PDB file of N, CA and C in Angstrom:
ATOM      1  N   UNK A   1     -11.751 -20.063  75.297  1.00  0.00           N
ATOM      2  CA  UNK A   1     -10.676 -19.569  74.432  1.00  0.00           C
ATOM      3  C   UNK A   1     -10.887 -20.090  73.078  1.00  0.00           C
ATOM      4  N   UNK A   2     -11.362 -21.357  72.883  1.00  0.00           N
ATOM      5  CA  UNK A   2     -11.468 -21.977  71.517  1.00  0.00           C
ATOM      6  C   UNK A   2     -12.422 -20.999  70.767  1.00  0.00           C
ATOM      7  N   UNK A   3     -13.677 -20.696  71.295  1.00  0.00           N
ATOM      8  CA  UNK A   3     -14.477 -19.935  70.708  1.00  0.00           C
ATOM      9  C   UNK A   3     -13.985 -18.545  70.121  1.00  0.00           C
ATOM     10  N   UNK A   4     -13.258 -17.956  70.929  1.00  0.00           N
ATOM     11  CA  UNK A   4     -12.634 -16.690  70.540  1.00  0.00           C
ATOM     12  C   UNK A   4     -11.692 -16.912  69.320  1.00  0.00           C
ATOM     13  N   UNK A   5     -11.055 -17.923  69.300  1.00  0.00           N
ATOM     14  CA  UNK A   5     -10.060 -18.236  68.130  1.00  0.00           C
ATOM     15  C   UNK A   5     -10.912 -18.469  66.965  1.00  0.00           C
ATOM     16  N   UNK A   6     -12.000 -19.110  66.937  1.00  0.00           N
ATOM     17  CA  UNK A   6     -12.819 -19.214  65.786  1.00  0.00           C
ATOM     18  C   UNK A   6     -13.533 -18.114  65.407  1.00  0.00           C
ATOM     19  N   UNK A   7     -14.028 -17.358  66.210  1.00  0.00           N
ATOM     20  CA  UNK A   7     -14.783 -16.018  65.929  1.00  0.00           C
ATOM     21  C   UNK A   7     -14.157 -14.806  65.950  1.00  0.00           C
ATOM     22  N   UNK A   8     -13.200 -14.656  66.780  1.00  0.00           N
ATOM     23  CA  UNK A   8     -12.706 -13.359  67.030  1.00  0.00           C
ATOM     24  C   UNK A   8     -11.445 -12.900  66.305  1.00  0.00           C
ATOM     25  N   UNK A   9     -10.356 -13.778  66.340  1.00  0.00           N
ATOM     26  CA  UNK A   9      -9.339 -13.053  65.598  1.00  0.00           C
ATOM     27  C   UNK A   9      -8.249 -13.717  65.120  1.00  0.00           C
ATOM     28  N   UNK A  10      -8.025 -14.880  65.064  1.00  0.00           N
ATOM     29  CA  UNK A  10      -6.873 -15.399  64.542  1.00  0.00           C
ATOM     30  C   UNK A  10      -6.885 -15.244  63.072  1.00  0.00           C
ATOM     31  N   UNK A  11      -5.990 -14.499  62.469  1.00  0.00           N
ATOM     32  CA  UNK A  11      -5.856 -14.256  61.096  1.00  0.00           C
ATOM     33  C   UNK A  11      -4.441 -14.530  60.587  1.00  0.00           C
ATOM     34  N   UNK A  12      -4.365 -14.879  59.303  1.00  0.00           N
ATOM     35  CA  UNK A  12      -3.084 -15.013  58.609  1.00  0.00           C
ATOM     36  C   UNK A  12      -2.972 -14.136  57.360  1.00  0.00           C
ATOM     37  N   UNK A  13      -1.833 -13.611  57.154  1.00  0.00           N
ATOM     38  CA  UNK A  13      -1.433 -12.926  55.858  1.00  0.00           C
ATOM     39  C   UNK A  13      -0.760 -13.800  55.084  1.00  0.00           C
ATOM     40  N   UNK A  14      -1.337 -14.306  53.811  1.00  0.00           N
ATOM     41  CA  UNK A  14      -0.631 -15.136  52.916  1.00  0.00           C
ATOM     42  C   UNK A  14      -0.155 -14.233  51.701  1.00  0.00           C
ATOM     43  N   UNK A  15       1.138 -14.379  51.416  1.00  0.00           N
ATOM     44  CA  UNK A  15       1.843 -13.567  50.422  1.00  0.00           C
ATOM     45  C   UNK A  15       2.325 -14.514  49.517  1.00  0.00           C
ATOM     46  N   UNK A  16       1.980 -14.358  48.112  1.00  0.00           N
ATOM     47  CA  UNK A  16       2.512 -15.257  47.205  1.00  0.00           C
ATOM     48  C   UNK A  16       3.121 -14.464  46.018  1.00  0.00           C
ATOM     49  N   UNK A  17       4.293 -14.809  45.585  1.00  0.00           N
ATOM     50  CA  UNK A  17       4.884 -14.213  44.483  1.00  0.00           C
ATOM     51  C   UNK A  17       4.872 -15.257  43.356  1.00  0.00           C
ATOM     52  N   UNK A  18       4.248 -15.006  42.173  1.00  0.00           N
ATOM     53  CA  UNK A  18       3.855 -15.890  41.176  1.00  0.00           C
ATOM     54  C   UNK A  18       4.177 -15.323  39.803  1.00  0.00           C
ATOM     55  N   UNK A  19       4.280 -16.216  38.881  1.00  0.00           N
ATOM     56  CA  UNK A  19       4.296 -15.702  37.478  1.00  0.00           C
ATOM     57  C   UNK A  19       3.155 -14.943  37.045  1.00  0.00           C
ATOM     58  N   UNK A  20       3.282 -13.981  36.305  1.00  0.00           N
ATOM     59  CA  UNK A  20       2.083 -13.190  35.779  1.00  0.00           C
ATOM     60  C   UNK A  20       1.085 -13.797  35.178  1.00  0.00           C
ATOM     61  N   UNK A  21       1.331 -14.704  34.189  1.00  0.00           N
ATOM     62  CA  UNK A  21       0.246 -15.390  33.323  1.00  0.00           C
ATOM     63  C   UNK A  21      -0.429 -16.401  34.264  1.00  0.00           C
ATOM     64  N   UNK A  22      -0.185 -16.780  35.550  1.00  0.00           N
ATOM     65  CA  UNK A  22      -0.906 -17.548  36.388  1.00  0.00           C
ATOM     66  C   UNK A  22      -2.016 -16.743  37.245  1.00  0.00           C
ATOM     67  N   UNK A  23      -2.141 -15.543  37.196  1.00  0.00           N
ATOM     68  CA  UNK A  23      -2.957 -14.726  38.079  1.00  0.00           C
ATOM     69  C   UNK A  23      -4.411 -15.294  37.876  1.00  0.00           C
ATOM     70  N   UNK A  24      -5.032 -15.250  36.651  1.00  0.00           N
ATOM     71  CA  UNK A  24      -6.349 -15.621  36.500  1.00  0.00           C
ATOM     72  C   UNK A  24      -6.682 -17.034  37.196  1.00  0.00           C
ATOM     73  N   UNK A  25      -5.766 -17.934  36.907  1.00  0.00           N
ATOM     74  CA  UNK A  25      -5.972 -19.349  37.448  1.00  0.00           C
ATOM     75  C   UNK A  25      -5.935 -19.305  39.028  1.00  0.00           C
ATOM     76  N   UNK A  26      -5.072 -18.513  39.505  1.00  0.00           N
ATOM     77  CA  UNK A  26      -4.860 -18.403  41.032  1.00  0.00           C
ATOM     78  C   UNK A  26      -6.130 -17.690  41.579  1.00  0.00           C
ATOM     79  N   UNK A  27      -6.573 -16.615  40.976  1.00  0.00           N
ATOM     80  CA  UNK A  27      -7.876 -15.819  41.444  1.00  0.00           C
ATOM     81  C   UNK A  27      -8.867 -16.793  41.421  1.00  0.00           C
ATOM     82  N   UNK A  28      -9.139 -17.568  40.466  1.00  0.00           N
ATOM     83  CA  UNK A  28     -10.337 -18.587  40.396  1.00  0.00           C
ATOM     84  C   UNK A  28     -10.112 -19.627  41.519  1.00  0.00           C
ATOM     85  N   UNK A  29      -8.975 -20.109  41.837  1.00  0.00           N
ATOM     86  CA  UNK A  29      -8.757 -21.083  42.797  1.00  0.00           C
ATOM     87  C   UNK A  29      -9.134 -20.547  44.236  1.00  0.00           C
ATOM     88  N   UNK A  30      -8.777 -19.311  44.401  1.00  0.00           N
ATOM     89  CA  UNK A  30      -8.987 -18.789  45.791  1.00  0.00           C
ATOM     90  C   UNK A  30     -10.504 -18.327  45.949  1.00  0.00           C
ATOM     91  N   UNK A  31     -11.112 -17.817  44.777  1.00  0.00           N
ATOM     92  CA  UNK A  31     -12.447 -17.486  44.892  1.00  0.00           C
ATOM     93  C   UNK A  31     -13.236 -18.783  45.177  1.00  0.00           C
ATOM     94  N   UNK A  32     -12.862 -19.865  44.684  1.00  0.00           N
ATOM     95  CA  UNK A  32     -13.728 -21.031  44.883  1.00  0.00           C
ATOM     96  C   UNK A  32     -13.506 -21.550  46.484  1.00  0.00           C
ATOM     97  N   UNK A  33     -12.351 -21.137  47.082  1.00  0.00           N
ATOM     98  CA  UNK A  33     -12.373 -21.537  48.454  1.00  0.00           C
ATOM     99  C   UNK A  33     -13.124 -20.521  49.377  1.00  0.00           C
ATOM    100  N   UNK A  34     -13.549 -19.415  48.751  1.00  0.00           N
ATOM    101  CA  UNK A  34     -14.511 -18.402  49.609  1.00  0.00           C
ATOM    102  C   UNK A  34     -13.645 -17.260  50.020  1.00  0.00           C
ATOM    103  N   UNK A  35     -12.388 -17.047  49.339  1.00  0.00           N
ATOM    104  CA  UNK A  35     -11.574 -15.890  49.631  1.00  0.00           C
ATOM    105  C   UNK A  35     -12.304 -14.729  49.026  1.00  0.00           C
ATOM    106  N   UNK A  36     -12.699 -13.583  49.759  1.00  0.00           N
ATOM    107  CA  UNK A  36     -13.442 -12.494  49.369  1.00  0.00           C
ATOM    108  C   UNK A  36     -12.815 -11.282  48.771  1.00  0.00           C
ATOM    109  N   UNK A  37     -11.477 -11.382  48.976  1.00  0.00           N
ATOM    110  CA  UNK A  37     -10.623 -10.124  48.571  1.00  0.00           C
ATOM    111  C   UNK A  37      -9.192 -10.561  48.646  1.00  0.00           C
ATOM    112  N   UNK A  38      -8.401  -9.716  47.779  1.00  0.00           N
ATOM    113  CA  UNK A  38      -6.995  -9.873  47.658  1.00  0.00           C
ATOM    114  C   UNK A  38      -6.499  -8.650  47.041  1.00  0.00           C
ATOM    115  N   UNK A  39      -5.127  -8.424  47.343  1.00  0.00           N
ATOM    116  CA  UNK A  39      -4.454  -7.317  46.707  1.00  0.00           C
ATOM    117  C   UNK A  39      -3.387  -7.888  45.936  1.00  0.00           C
ATOM    118  N   UNK A  40      -3.338  -7.319  44.684  1.00  0.00           N
ATOM    119  CA  UNK A  40      -2.418  -7.689  43.499  1.00  0.00           C
ATOM    120  C   UNK A  40      -1.543  -6.571  43.213  1.00  0.00           C
ATOM    121  N   UNK A  41      -0.212  -6.877  43.111  1.00  0.00           N
ATOM    122  CA  UNK A  41       0.773  -5.847  42.708  1.00  0.00           C
ATOM    123  C   UNK A  41       1.706  -6.390  41.700  1.00  0.00           C
ATOM    124  N   UNK A  42       2.150  -5.639  40.707  1.00  0.00           N
ATOM    125  CA  UNK A  42       3.029  -6.011  39.735  1.00  0.00           C
ATOM    126  C   UNK A  42       4.372  -5.600  40.351  1.00  0.00           C
ATOM    127  N   UNK A  43       5.292  -6.696  40.532  1.00  0.00           N
ATOM    128  CA  UNK A  43       6.518  -6.451  41.134  1.00  0.00           C
ATOM    129  C   UNK A  43       7.711  -7.001  40.270  1.00  0.00           C
ATOM    130  N   UNK A  44       8.918  -6.726  40.608  1.00  0.00           N
ATOM    131  CA  UNK A  44      10.138  -7.289  39.976  1.00  0.00           C
ATOM    132  C   UNK A  44      11.017  -7.729  41.040  1.00  0.00           C
ATOM    133  N   UNK A  45      11.678  -8.872  40.791  1.00  0.00           N
ATOM    134  CA  UNK A  45      12.656  -9.410  41.563  1.00  0.00           C
ATOM    135  C   UNK A  45      13.619 -10.424  41.043  1.00  0.00           C
ATOM    136  N   UNK A  46      14.332 -11.213  41.841  1.00  0.00           N
ATOM    137  CA  UNK A  46      15.049 -12.310  41.293  1.00  0.00           C
ATOM    138  C   UNK A  46      15.274 -13.249  42.400  1.00  0.00           C
ATOM    139  N   UNK A  47      15.475 -14.479  42.114  1.00  0.00           N
ATOM    140  CA  UNK A  47      15.846 -15.681  43.062  1.00  0.00           C
ATOM    141  C   UNK A  47      16.865 -16.466  42.375  1.00  0.00           C
ATOM    142  N   UNK A  48      16.625 -17.617  42.373  1.00  0.00           N
ATOM    143  CA  UNK A  48      17.443 -18.472  41.639  1.00  0.00           C
ATOM    144  C   UNK A  48      17.545 -18.350  40.104  1.00  0.00           C
ATOM    145  N   UNK A  49      16.546 -17.738  39.463  1.00  0.00           N
ATOM    146  CA  UNK A  49      16.538 -17.447  38.050  1.00  0.00           C
ATOM    147  C   UNK A  49      17.665 -16.467  37.656  1.00  0.00           C
ATOM    148  N   UNK A  50      18.088 -15.552  38.568  1.00  0.00           N
ATOM    149  CA  UNK A  50      19.119 -14.684  38.328  1.00  0.00           C
ATOM    150  C   UNK A  50      18.935 -13.782  37.148  1.00  0.00           C
ATOM    151  N   UNK A  51      17.674 -13.510  36.692  1.00  0.00           N
ATOM    152  CA  UNK A  51      17.427 -12.591  35.692  1.00  0.00           C
ATOM    153  C   UNK A  51      17.267 -13.392  34.339  1.00  0.00           C
ATOM    154  N   UNK A  52      17.068 -12.711  33.369  1.00  0.00           N
ATOM    155  CA  UNK A  52      16.785 -13.228  32.002  1.00  0.00           C
ATOM    156  C   UNK A  52      17.258 -12.293  30.922  1.00  0.00           C
ATOM    157  N   UNK A  53      17.314 -12.941  29.660  1.00  0.00           N
ATOM    158  CA  UNK A  53      17.588 -12.117  28.400  1.00  0.00           C
ATOM    159  C   UNK A  53      16.227 -11.842  27.731  1.00  0.00           C
ATOM    160  N   UNK A  54      16.135 -10.559  27.359  1.00  0.00           N
ATOM    161  CA  UNK A  54      14.956 -10.079  26.718  1.00  0.00           C
ATOM    162  C   UNK A  54      15.294  -9.369  25.387  1.00  0.00           C
ATOM    163  N   UNK A  55      14.358  -9.323  24.388  1.00  0.00           N
ATOM    164  CA  UNK A  55      14.520  -8.558  23.195  1.00  0.00           C
ATOM    165  C   UNK A  55      13.529  -7.360  23.224  1.00  0.00           C
ATOM    166  N   UNK A  56      14.030  -6.193  23.007  1.00  0.00           N
ATOM    167  CA  UNK A  56      13.312  -4.964  23.048  1.00  0.00           C
ATOM    168  C   UNK A  56      13.560  -4.221  21.826  1.00  0.00           C
ATOM    169  N   UNK A  57      12.602  -3.958  20.996  1.00  0.00           N
ATOM    170  CA  UNK A  57      12.985  -3.260  19.581  1.00  0.00           C
ATOM    171  C   UNK A  57      14.020  -3.778  18.918  1.00  0.00           C
ATOM    172  N   UNK A  58      14.078  -5.069  18.823  1.00  0.00           N
ATOM    173  CA  UNK A  58      15.124  -5.792  18.023  1.00  0.00           C
ATOM    174  C   UNK A  58      16.370  -5.851  18.679  1.00  0.00           C
ATOM    175  N   UNK A  59      16.665  -5.209  19.794  1.00  0.00           N
ATOM    176  CA  UNK A  59      18.024  -5.437  20.585  1.00  0.00           C
ATOM    177  C   UNK A  59      17.816  -6.303  21.912  1.00  0.00           C
ATOM    178  N   UNK A  60      18.890  -7.212  21.796  1.00  0.00           N
ATOM    179  CA  UNK A  60      18.787  -8.153  23.076  1.00  0.00           C
ATOM    180  C   UNK A  60      19.425  -7.536  24.139  1.00  0.00           C
ATOM    181  N   UNK A  61      18.826  -7.568  25.372  1.00  0.00           N
ATOM    182  CA  UNK A  61      19.436  -7.073  26.562  1.00  0.00           C
ATOM    183  C   UNK A  61      19.219  -7.928  27.683  1.00  0.00           C
ATOM    184  N   UNK A  62      20.023  -7.826  28.713  1.00  0.00           N
ATOM    185  CA  UNK A  62      19.960  -8.844  29.899  1.00  0.00           C
ATOM    186  C   UNK A  62      19.411  -7.873  31.024  1.00  0.00           C
ATOM    187  N   UNK A  63      18.374  -8.553  31.769  1.00  0.00           N
ATOM    188  CA  UNK A  63      17.879  -7.849  32.904  1.00  0.00           C
ATOM    189  C   UNK A  63      18.077  -8.709  34.138  1.00  0.00           C
ATOM    190  N   UNK A  64      18.426  -8.200  35.272  1.00  0.00           N
ATOM    191  CA  UNK A  64      18.426  -9.068  36.371  1.00  0.00           C
ATOM    192  C   UNK A  64      17.286  -8.929  37.429  1.00  0.00           C
ATOM    193  N   UNK A  65      16.114  -8.388  36.920  1.00  0.00           N
ATOM    194  CA  UNK A  65      14.949  -8.362  37.563  1.00  0.00           C
ATOM    195  C   UNK A  65      13.919  -9.044  36.589  1.00  0.00           C
ATOM    196  N   UNK A  66      13.120  -9.988  37.276  1.00  0.00           N
ATOM    197  CA  UNK A  66      12.093 -10.666  36.505  1.00  0.00           C
ATOM    198  C   UNK A  66      10.837 -10.194  36.952  1.00  0.00           C
ATOM    199  N   UNK A  67       9.868  -9.991  35.969  1.00  0.00           N
ATOM    200  CA  UNK A  67       8.566  -9.463  36.440  1.00  0.00           C
ATOM    201  C   UNK A  67       7.716 -10.605  37.057  1.00  0.00           C
ATOM    202  N   UNK A  68       7.059 -10.248  38.143  1.00  0.00           N
ATOM    203  CA  UNK A  68       6.308 -11.233  38.909  1.00  0.00           C
ATOM    204  C   UNK A  68       5.029 -10.531  39.400  1.00  0.00           C
ATOM    205  N   UNK A  69       4.106 -11.247  39.867  1.00  0.00           N
ATOM    206  CA  UNK A  69       2.869 -10.722  40.588  1.00  0.00           C
ATOM    207  C   UNK A  69       3.048 -11.034  42.028  1.00  0.00           C
ATOM    208  N   UNK A  70       2.537 -10.084  42.872  1.00  0.00           N
ATOM    209  CA  UNK A  70       2.565 -10.299  44.278  1.00  0.00           C
ATOM    210  C   UNK A  70       1.128 -10.261  44.684  1.00  0.00           C
ATOM    211  N   UNK A  71       0.657 -11.425  45.486  1.00  0.00           N
ATOM    212  CA  UNK A  71      -0.752 -11.602  45.827  1.00  0.00           C
ATOM    213  C   UNK A  71      -0.748 -11.506  47.332  1.00  0.00           C
ATOM    214  N   UNK A  72      -1.548 -10.753  47.948  1.00  0.00           N
ATOM    215  CA  UNK A  72      -1.685 -10.627  49.423  1.00  0.00           C
ATOM    216  C   UNK A  72      -3.117 -11.051  49.775  1.00  0.00           C
ATOM    217  N   UNK A  73      -3.384 -11.937  50.649  1.00  0.00           N
ATOM    218  CA  UNK A  73      -4.620 -12.305  51.035  1.00  0.00           C
ATOM    219  C   UNK A  73      -4.653 -12.418  52.567  1.00  0.00           C
ATOM    220  N   UNK A  74      -5.535 -11.739  53.239  1.00  0.00           N
ATOM    221  CA  UNK A  74      -5.742 -11.871  54.745  1.00  0.00           C
ATOM    222  C   UNK A  74      -7.022 -12.828  54.816  1.00  0.00           C
ATOM    223  N   UNK A  75      -6.715 -13.856  55.608  1.00  0.00           N
ATOM    224  CA  UNK A  75      -7.848 -14.930  55.858  1.00  0.00           C
ATOM    225  C   UNK A  75      -7.909 -15.369  57.272  1.00  0.00           C
ATOM    226  N   UNK A  76      -9.052 -15.962  57.741  1.00  0.00           N
ATOM    227  CA  UNK A  76      -9.091 -16.594  58.959  1.00  0.00           C
ATOM    228  C   UNK A  76      -8.063 -17.629  59.022  1.00  0.00           C
ATOM    229  N   UNK A  77      -7.345 -17.887  60.202  1.00  0.00           N
ATOM    230  CA  UNK A  77      -6.312 -18.869  60.385  1.00  0.00           C
ATOM    231  C   UNK A  77      -6.698 -20.252  59.877  1.00  0.00           C
ATOM    232  N   UNK A  78      -8.092 -20.695  60.256  1.00  0.00           N
ATOM    233  CA  UNK A  78      -8.462 -21.893  59.700  1.00  0.00           C
ATOM    234  C   UNK A  78      -8.412 -22.213  58.354  1.00  0.00           C
ATOM    235  N   UNK A  79      -8.536 -21.049  57.638  1.00  0.00           N
ATOM    236  CA  UNK A  79      -8.480 -21.177  56.080  1.00  0.00           C
ATOM    237  C   UNK A  79      -7.087 -21.180  55.433  1.00  0.00           C
ATOM    238  N   UNK A  80      -6.168 -20.691  56.338  1.00  0.00           N
ATOM    239  CA  UNK A  80      -4.770 -20.327  55.727  1.00  0.00           C
ATOM    240  C   UNK A  80      -4.217 -21.641  54.955  1.00  0.00           C
ATOM    241  N   UNK A  81      -4.314 -22.758  55.543  1.00  0.00           N
ATOM    242  CA  UNK A  81      -3.554 -23.941  54.782  1.00  0.00           C
ATOM    243  C   UNK A  81      -4.327 -24.270  53.629  1.00  0.00           C
ATOM    244  N   UNK A  82      -5.583 -24.152  53.527  1.00  0.00           N
ATOM    245  CA  UNK A  82      -6.227 -24.439  52.173  1.00  0.00           C
ATOM    246  C   UNK A  82      -5.842 -23.319  51.078  1.00  0.00           C
ATOM    247  N   UNK A  83      -5.702 -22.088  51.546  1.00  0.00           N
ATOM    248  CA  UNK A  83      -5.249 -21.047  50.691  1.00  0.00           C
ATOM    249  C   UNK A  83      -3.925 -21.340  50.141  1.00  0.00           C
ATOM    250  N   UNK A  84      -2.985 -21.787  50.911  1.00  0.00           N
ATOM    251  CA  UNK A  84      -1.679 -22.042  50.600  1.00  0.00           C
ATOM    252  C   UNK A  84      -1.729 -23.200  49.623  1.00  0.00           C
ATOM    253  N   UNK A  85      -2.454 -24.269  49.919  1.00  0.00           N
ATOM    254  CA  UNK A  85      -2.500 -25.484  48.940  1.00  0.00           C
ATOM    255  C   UNK A  85      -3.179 -24.916  47.666  1.00  0.00           C
ATOM    256  N   UNK A  86      -4.132 -24.009  47.731  1.00  0.00           N
ATOM    257  CA  UNK A  86      -4.800 -23.666  46.292  1.00  0.00           C
ATOM    258  C   UNK A  86      -3.758 -22.825  45.593  1.00  0.00           C
ATOM    259  N   UNK A  87      -3.044 -21.936  46.370  1.00  0.00           N
ATOM    260  CA  UNK A  87      -1.976 -21.049  45.613  1.00  0.00           C
ATOM    261  C   UNK A  87      -0.924 -21.953  44.935  1.00  0.00           C
ATOM    262  N   UNK A  88      -0.568 -22.965  45.648  1.00  0.00           N
ATOM    263  CA  UNK A  88       0.594 -23.852  45.310  1.00  0.00           C
ATOM    264  C   UNK A  88       0.117 -24.587  43.965  1.00  0.00           C
ATOM    265  N   UNK A  89      -0.958 -25.190  44.118  1.00  0.00           N
ATOM    266  CA  UNK A  89      -1.497 -25.973  43.058  1.00  0.00           C
ATOM    267  C   UNK A  89      -1.866 -25.105  41.777  1.00  0.00           C
ATOM    268  N   UNK A  90      -2.435 -23.968  41.833  1.00  0.00           N
ATOM    269  CA  UNK A  90      -2.846 -23.248  40.730  1.00  0.00           C
ATOM    270  C   UNK A  90      -1.696 -22.313  40.075  1.00  0.00           C
ATOM    271  N   UNK A  91      -0.698 -22.076  40.893  1.00  0.00           N
ATOM    272  CA  UNK A  91       0.475 -21.301  40.383  1.00  0.00           C
ATOM    273  C   UNK A  91       1.557 -22.158  39.812  1.00  0.00           C
ATOM    274  N   UNK A  92       1.456 -23.532  40.042  1.00  0.00           N
ATOM    275  CA  UNK A  92       2.671 -24.404  39.756  1.00  0.00           C
ATOM    276  C   UNK A  92       2.597 -24.596  38.152  1.00  0.00           C
ATOM    277  N   UNK A  93       3.992 -24.366  37.585  1.00  0.00           N
ATOM    278  CA  UNK A  93       4.153 -24.779  36.212  1.00  0.00           C
ATOM    279  C   UNK A  93       5.145 -25.945  36.149  1.00  0.00           C
ATOM    280  N   UNK A  94       5.869 -26.103  37.280  1.00  0.00           N
ATOM    281  CA  UNK A  94       6.945 -27.116  37.437  1.00  0.00           C
ATOM    282  C   UNK A  94       8.204 -26.682  36.861  1.00  0.00           C
ATOM    283  N   UNK A  95       8.244 -25.407  36.536  1.00  0.00           N
ATOM    284  CA  UNK A  95       9.539 -24.811  36.066  1.00  0.00           C
ATOM    285  C   UNK A  95      10.228 -23.886  37.005  1.00  0.00           C
ATOM    286  N   UNK A  96      11.513 -23.681  36.894  1.00  0.00           N
ATOM    287  CA  UNK A  96      12.142 -22.643  37.851  1.00  0.00           C
ATOM    288  C   UNK A  96      11.489 -21.367  37.726  1.00  0.00           C
ATOM    289  N   UNK A  97      11.333 -20.706  38.844  1.00  0.00           N
ATOM    290  CA  UNK A  97      10.764 -19.408  38.877  1.00  0.00           C
ATOM    291  C   UNK A  97       9.229 -19.217  39.162  1.00  0.00           C
ATOM    292  N   UNK A  98       8.691 -20.413  39.581  1.00  0.00           N
ATOM    293  CA  UNK A  98       7.169 -20.446  40.031  1.00  0.00           C
ATOM    294  C   UNK A  98       6.806 -19.534  41.106  1.00  0.00           C
ATOM    295  N   UNK A  99       7.715 -19.368  41.967  1.00  0.00           N
ATOM    296  CA  UNK A  99       7.477 -18.216  43.119  1.00  0.00           C
ATOM    297  C   UNK A  99       7.625 -18.900  44.385  1.00  0.00           C
ATOM    298  N   UNK A 100       7.160 -18.152  45.371  1.00  0.00           N
ATOM    299  CA  UNK A 100       7.169 -18.449  46.792  1.00  0.00           C
ATOM    300  C   UNK A 100       5.805 -18.053  47.442  1.00  0.00           C
ATOM    301  N   UNK A 101       5.650 -18.717  48.531  1.00  0.00           N
ATOM    302  CA  UNK A 101       4.466 -18.308  49.389  1.00  0.00           C
ATOM    303  C   UNK A 101       4.943 -18.009  50.824  1.00  0.00           C
ATOM    304  N   UNK A 102       4.492 -17.142  51.512  1.00  0.00           N
ATOM    305  CA  UNK A 102       4.923 -16.704  52.754  1.00  0.00           C
ATOM    306  C   UNK A 102       3.545 -16.687  53.580  1.00  0.00           C
ATOM    307  N   UNK A 103       3.588 -17.004  54.901  1.00  0.00           N
ATOM    308  CA  UNK A 103       2.422 -16.999  55.698  1.00  0.00           C
ATOM    309  C   UNK A 103       2.790 -16.211  57.154  1.00  0.00           C
ATOM    310  N   UNK A 104       2.121 -15.173  57.379  1.00  0.00           N
ATOM    311  CA  UNK A 104       2.445 -14.271  58.582  1.00  0.00           C
ATOM    312  C   UNK A 104       1.164 -14.215  59.490  1.00  0.00           C
ATOM    313  N   UNK A 105       1.437 -14.050  60.783  1.00  0.00           N
ATOM    314  CA  UNK A 105       0.285 -13.755  61.641  1.00  0.00           C
ATOM    315  C   UNK A 105      -0.072 -12.299  61.458  1.00  0.00           C
ATOM    316  N   UNK A 106      -1.352 -12.178  61.575  1.00  0.00           N
ATOM    317  CA  UNK A 106      -1.940 -10.633  61.578  1.00  0.00           C
ATOM    318  C   UNK A 106      -2.597 -10.358  63.010  1.00  0.00           C
ATOM    319  N   UNK A 107      -2.092  -9.292  63.417  1.00  0.00           N
ATOM    320  CA  UNK A 107      -2.558  -8.924  64.872  1.00  0.00           C
ATOM    321  C   UNK A 107      -3.927  -8.428  64.928  1.00  0.00           C
ATOM    322  N   UNK A 108      -4.208  -7.507  63.934  1.00  0.00           N
ATOM    323  CA  UNK A 108      -5.595  -6.958  63.932  1.00  0.00           C
ATOM    324  C   UNK A 108      -5.904  -6.388  62.549  1.00  0.00           C
ATOM    325  N   UNK A 109      -7.176  -6.302  62.312  1.00  0.00           N
ATOM    326  CA  UNK A 109      -7.740  -5.904  60.904  1.00  0.00           C
ATOM    327  C   UNK A 109      -8.931  -5.025  61.268  1.00  0.00           C
ATOM    328  N   UNK A 110      -9.162  -3.900  60.516  1.00  0.00           N
ATOM    329  CA  UNK A 110     -10.188  -2.878  60.920  1.00  0.00           C
ATOM    330  C   UNK A 110     -10.681  -2.481  59.458  1.00  0.00           C
ATOM    331  N   UNK A 111     -12.199  -2.595  59.420  1.00  0.00           N
ATOM    332  CA  UNK A 111     -12.791  -2.061  58.078  1.00  0.00           C
ATOM    333  C   UNK A 111     -12.968  -0.685  58.372  1.00  0.00           C
ATOM    334  N   UNK A 112     -12.349   0.139  57.579  1.00  0.00           N
ATOM    335  CA  UNK A 112     -12.480   1.700  57.780  1.00  0.00           C
ATOM    336  C   UNK A 112     -14.005   2.106  57.768  1.00  0.00           C
ATOM    337  N   UNK A 113     -14.816   1.714  56.799  1.00  0.00           N
ATOM    338  CA  UNK A 113     -16.092   2.136  56.791  1.00  0.00           C
ATOM    339  C   UNK A 113     -16.948   1.947  57.876  1.00  0.00           C
ATOM    340  N   UNK A 114     -16.841   0.798  58.468  1.00  0.00           N
ATOM    341  CA  UNK A 114     -17.766   0.331  59.474  1.00  0.00           C
ATOM    342  C   UNK A 114     -17.126   0.211  60.889  1.00  0.00           C
ATOM    343  N   UNK A 115     -16.047   0.186  60.980  1.00  0.00           N
ATOM    344  CA  UNK A 115     -15.158  -0.034  62.259  1.00  0.00           C
ATOM    345  C   UNK A 115     -15.242  -1.510  62.669  1.00  0.00           C
ATOM    346  N   UNK A 116     -15.630  -2.415  61.847  1.00  0.00           N
ATOM    347  CA  UNK A 116     -15.730  -3.854  62.261  1.00  0.00           C
ATOM    348  C   UNK A 116     -14.192  -4.224  62.336  1.00  0.00           C
ATOM    349  N   UNK A 117     -13.955  -5.253  63.304  1.00  0.00           N
ATOM    350  CA  UNK A 117     -12.499  -5.574  63.445  1.00  0.00           C
ATOM    351  C   UNK A 117     -12.374  -7.161  63.183  1.00  0.00           C
ATOM    352  N   UNK A 118     -11.082  -7.336  63.072  1.00  0.00           N
ATOM    353  CA  UNK A 118     -10.560  -8.735  62.867  1.00  0.00           C
ATOM    354  C   UNK A 118     -11.317  -9.574  61.795  1.00  0.00           C
ATOM    355  N   UNK A 119     -11.782 -10.764  62.150  1.00  0.00           N
ATOM    356  CA  UNK A 119     -12.119 -11.662  61.011  1.00  0.00           C
ATOM    357  C   UNK A 119     -13.384 -11.008  60.436  1.00  0.00           C
ATOM    358  N   UNK A 120     -14.275 -10.418  61.221  1.00  0.00           N
ATOM    359  CA  UNK A 120     -15.575  -9.788  60.621  1.00  0.00           C
ATOM    360  C   UNK A 120     -15.146  -8.593  59.777  1.00  0.00           C
ATOM    361  N   UNK A 121     -13.914  -8.030  59.826  1.00  0.00           N
ATOM    362  CA  UNK A 121     -13.634  -6.949  58.966  1.00  0.00           C
ATOM    363  C   UNK A 121     -13.199  -7.410  57.565  1.00  0.00           C
ATOM    364  N   UNK A 122     -12.907  -8.643  57.492  1.00  0.00           N
ATOM    365  CA  UNK A 122     -12.434  -9.337  56.153  1.00  0.00           C
ATOM    366  C   UNK A 122     -13.560  -9.358  55.130  1.00  0.00           C
TER     367      UNK A 122
END
């Protein structure tokens, strides 16, 4: 059973919501770990920050949604803890609104082009 876990299929989906200017630093940290792919999406949301005040064309206005970057990485379960550590270290500014990291189990992955499955599909 242990061999199957290492080769076959335990995978994790790591989702991080970070400040946009930290994206390059995060990408470099994950690449150093051997992460071969990620999905990046521009998102908006709020947490404890409760929004912000911005100036647009000279007028000040308040917005309750803060721009963020959502990063999704599927990796072998054995690598997930190091991915989380790298994300936390590289996205940290020490200020409110640095973001969150979520880790979920992945049941199956399939590479469309070749039909490879699970960890080999990554």
